[in-house]
Amino acid sequence: MLGAYDWAFVKPRRKLAYNLVLTGTSVAVAVLVGGLELLGVEIDGLGFAVVGLFAFAWLAAVALGRYTGREDRDAPAKVAGD
């Protein structure tokens, strides 16, 4: 790195170009890493949403079964001796 800095700082125009390229590369890497992290968060959030959707569907089915009385109709008939 010291050799690259020495080469870049010999001429002011070269120094400016070197700094711009180095800064641009740093920004690109930061955006890439940030994008991957954001994607990971979104995927985790989507997973939680899917689990929540299944839990909601199960609770809705239980509530609907109790509200409409279908639970009682699907139960086995009671025998007189039981």
C-alpha atoms as a PDB file:
ATOM      1  CA  MET A   1       0.000   0.000   0.000  1.00  0.00           C
ATOM      2  CA  LEU A   2       2.863   2.341   0.734  1.00  0.00           C
ATOM      3  CA  GLY A   3       4.092   1.912  -2.846  1.00  0.00           C
ATOM      4  CA  ALA A   4       0.600   2.705  -4.192  1.00  0.00           C
ATOM      5  CA  TYR A   5       0.401   5.834  -2.037  1.00  0.00           C
ATOM      6  CA  ASP A   6       3.862   6.968  -3.113  1.00  0.00           C
ATOM      7  CA  TRP A   7       2.936   6.424  -6.767  1.00  0.00           C
ATOM      8  CA  ALA A   8      -0.359   8.299  -6.392  1.00  0.00           C
ATOM      9  CA  PHE A   9       1.005  11.282  -4.477  1.00  0.00           C
ATOM     10  CA  VAL A  10       3.722  12.150  -7.022  1.00  0.00           C
ATOM     11  CA  LYS A  11       1.297  14.157  -9.180  1.00  0.00           C
ATOM     12  CA  PRO A  12      -1.773  16.063  -7.909  1.00  0.00           C
ATOM     13  CA  ARG A  13      -3.984  14.812 -10.760  1.00  0.00           C
ATOM     14  CA  ARG A  14      -2.941  11.201 -10.120  1.00  0.00           C
ATOM     15  CA  LYS A  15      -3.600  11.705  -6.407  1.00  0.00           C
ATOM     16  CA  LEU A  16      -7.135  12.939  -7.138  1.00  0.00           C
ATOM     17  CA  ALA A  17      -7.850  10.017  -9.488  1.00  0.00           C
ATOM     18  CA  TYR A  18      -6.458   7.521  -6.991  1.00  0.00           C
ATOM     19  CA  ASN A  19      -8.555   8.943  -4.162  1.00  0.00           C
ATOM     20  CA  LEU A  20     -11.702   8.925  -6.310  1.00  0.00           C
ATOM     21  CA  VAL A  21     -11.170   5.316  -7.375  1.00  0.00           C
ATOM     22  CA  LEU A  22     -10.414   4.198  -3.821  1.00  0.00           C
ATOM     23  CA  THR A  23     -13.436   6.052  -2.423  1.00  0.00           C
ATOM     24  CA  GLY A  24     -15.700   4.718  -5.180  1.00  0.00           C
ATOM     25  CA  THR A  25     -14.538   1.184  -4.512  1.00  0.00           C
ATOM     26  CA  SER A  26     -15.184   1.616  -0.788  1.00  0.00           C
ATOM     27  CA  VAL A  27     -18.693   2.926  -1.471  1.00  0.00           C
ATOM     28  CA  ALA A  28     -19.440   0.034  -3.847  1.00  0.00           C
ATOM     29  CA  VAL A  29     -18.317  -2.524  -1.271  1.00  0.00           C
ATOM     30  CA  ALA A  30     -20.358  -0.800   1.464  1.00  0.00           C
ATOM     31  CA  VAL A  31     -23.486  -0.772  -0.727  1.00  0.00           C
ATOM     32  CA  LEU A  32     -22.980  -4.438  -1.604  1.00  0.00           C
ATOM     33  CA  VAL A  33     -22.550  -5.490   2.032  1.00  0.00           C
ATOM     34  CA  GLY A  34     -25.477  -3.314   3.130  1.00  0.00           C
ATOM     35  CA  GLY A  35     -27.667  -4.744   0.375  1.00  0.00           C
ATOM     36  CA  LEU A  36     -26.836  -8.299   1.368  1.00  0.00           C
ATOM     37  CA  GLU A  37     -27.586  -7.515   5.008  1.00  0.00           C
ATOM     38  CA  LEU A  38     -30.892  -5.891   4.039  1.00  0.00           C
ATOM     39  CA  LEU A  39     -31.765  -8.896   1.913  1.00  0.00           C
ATOM     40  CA  GLY A  40     -31.011 -11.161   4.866  1.00  0.00           C
ATOM     41  CA  VAL A  41     -33.290  -9.112   7.089  1.00  0.00           C
ATOM     42  CA  GLU A  42     -36.041  -9.181   4.462  1.00  0.00           C
ATOM     43  CA  ILE A  43     -35.735 -12.949   4.101  1.00  0.00           C
ATOM     44  CA  ASP A  44     -35.912 -13.362   7.888  1.00  0.00           C
ATOM     45  CA  GLY A  45     -38.936 -11.080   7.978  1.00  0.00           C
ATOM     46  CA  LEU A  46     -40.588 -13.083   5.208  1.00  0.00           C
ATOM     47  CA  GLY A  47     -39.984 -16.296   7.149  1.00  0.00           C
ATOM     48  CA  PHE A  48     -41.632 -14.810  10.239  1.00  0.00           C
ATOM     49  CA  ALA A  49     -44.547 -13.652   8.086  1.00  0.00           C
ATOM     50  CA  VAL A  50     -45.044 -17.162   6.674  1.00  0.00           C
ATOM     51  CA  VAL A  51     -45.012 -18.703  10.159  1.00  0.00           C
ATOM     52  CA  GLY A  52     -47.456 -16.035  11.332  1.00  0.00           C
ATOM     53  CA  LEU A  53     -49.722 -16.730   8.380  1.00  0.00           C
ATOM     54  CA  PHE A  54     -49.867 -20.448   9.225  1.00  0.00           C
ATOM     55  CA  ALA A  55     -50.558 -19.670  12.894  1.00  0.00           C
ATOM     56  CA  PHE A  56     -53.322 -17.243  11.909  1.00  0.00           C
ATOM     57  CA  ALA A  57     -54.865 -19.790   9.533  1.00  0.00           C
ATOM     58  CA  TRP A  58     -54.864 -22.438  12.267  1.00  0.00           C
ATOM     59  CA  LEU A  59     -56.447 -20.084  14.801  1.00  0.00           C
ATOM     60  CA  ALA A  60     -59.038 -18.963  12.253  1.00  0.00           C
ATOM     61  CA  ALA A  61     -59.912 -22.592  11.466  1.00  0.00           C
ATOM     62  CA  VAL A  62     -60.343 -23.402  15.156  1.00  0.00           C
ATOM     63  CA  ALA A  63     -62.474 -20.302  15.737  1.00  0.00           C
ATOM     64  CA  LEU A  64     -64.571 -20.956  12.627  1.00  0.00           C
ATOM     65  CA  GLY A  65     -65.102 -24.575  13.643  1.00  0.00           C
ATOM     66  CA  ARG A  66     -66.323 -23.553  17.077  1.00  0.00           C
ATOM     67  CA  TYR A  67     -68.453 -20.685  15.780  1.00  0.00           C
ATOM     68  CA  THR A  68     -70.223 -22.712  13.101  1.00  0.00           C
ATOM     69  CA  GLY A  69     -70.603 -25.805  15.291  1.00  0.00           C
ATOM     70  CA  ARG A  70     -68.784 -28.053  12.838  1.00  0.00           C
ATOM     71  CA  GLU A  71     -66.650 -29.446  15.648  1.00  0.00           C
ATOM     72  CA  ASP A  72     -69.717 -31.016  17.225  1.00  0.00           C
ATOM     73  CA  ARG A  73     -70.978 -32.486  13.933  1.00  0.00           C
ATOM     74  CA  ASP A  74     -67.651 -34.159  13.198  1.00  0.00           C
ATOM     75  CA  ALA A  75     -67.367 -35.764  16.638  1.00  0.00           C
ATOM     76  CA  PRO A  76     -68.238 -39.464  16.914  1.00  0.00           C
ATOM     77  CA  ALA A  77     -71.777 -40.134  18.086  1.00  0.00           C
ATOM     78  CA  LYS A  78     -72.164 -40.943  21.768  1.00  0.00           C
ATOM     79  CA  VAL A  79     -73.440 -44.389  22.588  1.00  0.00           C
ATOM     80  CA  ALA A  80     -76.080 -44.662  25.318  1.00  0.00           C
ATOM     81  CA  GLY A  81     -73.890 -46.810  27.583  1.00  0.00           C
ATOM     82  CA  ASP A  82     -70.847 -44.472  27.529  1.00  0.00           C
END
